[in-house]
Amino acid sequence: MLALDANGDRALSAVEIANAPASLAALDANKDGKLTFDELRPLPPKAE
């Protein structure tokens, strides 16, 4: 859900739902048309 929540308000608006296909496609790291668990997992925080 976080990948679809563009404004970070922890709710999906009608616009965010309408944009879901593009948002989900952007998560497809290897562009195989499938989303794996690894592609859906949030990235770990960057070390500073």
N, C-alpha and C. Protein backbone atom coordinates (compact mmCIF):
# COMPACT_ATOMS: atom_id res chain seq x y z
N MET A 1 0.82 -1.19 0.00
CA MET A 1 0.00 0.00 0.00
C MET A 1 0.87 1.25 0.00
N LEU A 2 2.00 1.20 0.66
CA LEU A 2 2.86 2.39 0.73
C LEU A 2 3.31 2.85 -0.65
N ALA A 3 3.51 1.92 -1.55
CA ALA A 3 3.93 2.29 -2.90
C ALA A 3 2.84 3.06 -3.64
N LEU A 4 1.60 2.86 -3.26
CA LEU A 4 0.48 3.53 -3.93
C LEU A 4 0.10 4.84 -3.26
N ASP A 5 0.48 5.01 -2.00
CA ASP A 5 0.10 6.18 -1.21
C ASP A 5 1.06 7.33 -1.51
N ALA A 6 0.83 8.01 -2.62
CA ALA A 6 1.75 9.04 -3.12
C ALA A 6 1.94 10.20 -2.15
N ASN A 7 0.90 10.59 -1.42
CA ASN A 7 1.03 11.74 -0.52
C ASN A 7 1.35 11.34 0.91
N GLY A 8 1.49 10.04 1.18
CA GLY A 8 1.92 9.58 2.50
C GLY A 8 0.92 9.76 3.62
N ASP A 9 -0.38 9.88 3.28
CA ASP A 9 -1.37 10.09 4.34
C ASP A 9 -1.95 8.78 4.88
N ARG A 10 -1.39 7.65 4.46
CA ARG A 10 -1.79 6.32 4.93
C ARG A 10 -3.22 5.97 4.52
N ALA A 11 -3.70 6.57 3.44
CA ALA A 11 -5.01 6.26 2.85
C ALA A 11 -4.87 6.39 1.34
N LEU A 12 -5.62 5.59 0.59
CA LEU A 12 -5.57 5.68 -0.86
C LEU A 12 -6.75 6.49 -1.37
N SER A 13 -6.45 7.58 -2.04
CA SER A 13 -7.49 8.42 -2.62
C SER A 13 -7.89 7.84 -3.97
N ALA A 14 -8.95 8.37 -4.55
CA ALA A 14 -9.41 7.93 -5.87
C ALA A 14 -8.32 8.14 -6.92
N VAL A 15 -7.58 9.23 -6.81
CA VAL A 15 -6.50 9.51 -7.76
C VAL A 15 -5.38 8.50 -7.60
N GLU A 16 -5.01 8.19 -6.36
CA GLU A 16 -3.95 7.20 -6.12
C GLU A 16 -4.37 5.82 -6.62
N ILE A 17 -5.63 5.48 -6.45
CA ILE A 17 -6.12 4.20 -6.97
C ILE A 17 -6.08 4.19 -8.49
N ALA A 18 -6.46 5.30 -9.10
CA ALA A 18 -6.42 5.41 -10.57
C ALA A 18 -4.98 5.29 -11.08
N ASN A 19 -4.02 5.76 -10.30
CA ASN A 19 -2.61 5.71 -10.69
C ASN A 19 -1.93 4.39 -10.30
N ALA A 20 -2.67 3.49 -9.69
CA ALA A 20 -2.09 2.24 -9.18
C ALA A 20 -1.35 1.43 -10.26
N PRO A 21 -1.90 1.26 -11.47
CA PRO A 21 -1.15 0.47 -12.45
C PRO A 21 0.25 1.02 -12.73
N ALA A 22 0.37 2.32 -12.87
CA ALA A 22 1.69 2.92 -13.13
C ALA A 22 2.60 2.78 -11.92
N SER A 23 2.05 2.96 -10.72
CA SER A 23 2.85 2.84 -9.50
C SER A 23 3.34 1.41 -9.32
N LEU A 24 2.48 0.44 -9.58
CA LEU A 24 2.88 -0.96 -9.44
C LEU A 24 3.89 -1.34 -10.51
N ALA A 25 3.71 -0.86 -11.73
CA ALA A 25 4.66 -1.16 -12.80
C ALA A 25 6.04 -0.61 -12.46
N ALA A 26 6.09 0.52 -11.78
CA ALA A 26 7.37 1.11 -11.40
C ALA A 26 8.13 0.24 -10.40
N LEU A 27 7.42 -0.60 -9.65
CA LEU A 27 8.07 -1.49 -8.68
C LEU A 27 8.68 -2.72 -9.34
N ASP A 28 8.30 -3.01 -10.56
CA ASP A 28 8.77 -4.20 -11.28
C ASP A 28 10.22 -3.97 -11.73
N ALA A 29 11.15 -4.24 -10.83
CA ALA A 29 12.56 -3.91 -11.04
C ALA A 29 13.16 -4.59 -12.27
N ASN A 30 12.77 -5.82 -12.54
CA ASN A 30 13.36 -6.53 -13.68
C ASN A 30 12.47 -6.50 -14.92
N LYS A 31 11.37 -5.74 -14.85
CA LYS A 31 10.47 -5.50 -15.99
C LYS A 31 9.97 -6.80 -16.63
N ASP A 32 9.65 -7.81 -15.77
CA ASP A 32 9.13 -9.07 -16.31
C ASP A 32 7.61 -9.15 -16.26
N GLY A 33 6.96 -8.07 -15.84
CA GLY A 33 5.50 -8.06 -15.78
C GLY A 33 4.93 -8.72 -14.55
N LYS A 34 5.79 -9.08 -13.59
CA LYS A 34 5.36 -9.71 -12.35
C LYS A 34 6.00 -8.97 -11.18
N LEU A 35 5.28 -8.93 -10.06
CA LEU A 35 5.85 -8.37 -8.84
C LEU A 35 6.14 -9.49 -7.87
N THR A 36 7.39 -9.64 -7.50
CA THR A 36 7.79 -10.64 -6.53
C THR A 36 7.78 -10.03 -5.13
N PHE A 37 7.89 -10.88 -4.13
CA PHE A 37 7.93 -10.42 -2.75
C PHE A 37 9.08 -9.42 -2.56
N ASP A 38 10.23 -9.72 -3.15
CA ASP A 38 11.39 -8.83 -3.02
C ASP A 38 11.12 -7.46 -3.62
N GLU A 39 10.38 -7.40 -4.72
CA GLU A 39 10.08 -6.12 -5.34
C GLU A 39 9.05 -5.33 -4.54
N LEU A 40 8.21 -6.01 -3.79
CA LEU A 40 7.19 -5.35 -2.99
C LEU A 40 7.68 -4.90 -1.63
N ARG A 41 8.76 -5.53 -1.15
CA ARG A 41 9.32 -5.16 0.16
C ARG A 41 9.88 -3.76 0.12
N PRO A 42 9.68 -2.99 1.19
CA PRO A 42 10.33 -1.67 1.25
C PRO A 42 11.85 -1.83 1.29
N LEU A 43 12.56 -0.89 0.73
CA LEU A 43 14.02 -0.91 0.78
C LEU A 43 14.47 -0.65 2.20
N PRO A 44 15.59 -1.27 2.63
CA PRO A 44 16.10 -0.99 3.97
C PRO A 44 16.59 0.45 4.06
N PRO A 45 16.57 1.02 5.25
CA PRO A 45 17.03 2.41 5.40
C PRO A 45 18.51 2.53 5.00
N LYS A 46 18.86 3.67 4.43
CA LYS A 46 20.25 3.90 4.04
C LYS A 46 21.09 4.18 5.27
N ALA A 47 22.28 3.60 5.30
CA ALA A 47 23.21 3.85 6.40
C ALA A 47 23.82 5.24 6.21
N GLU A 48 23.98 5.93 7.28
CA GLU A 48 24.55 7.29 7.20
C GLU A 48 25.96 7.32 7.68
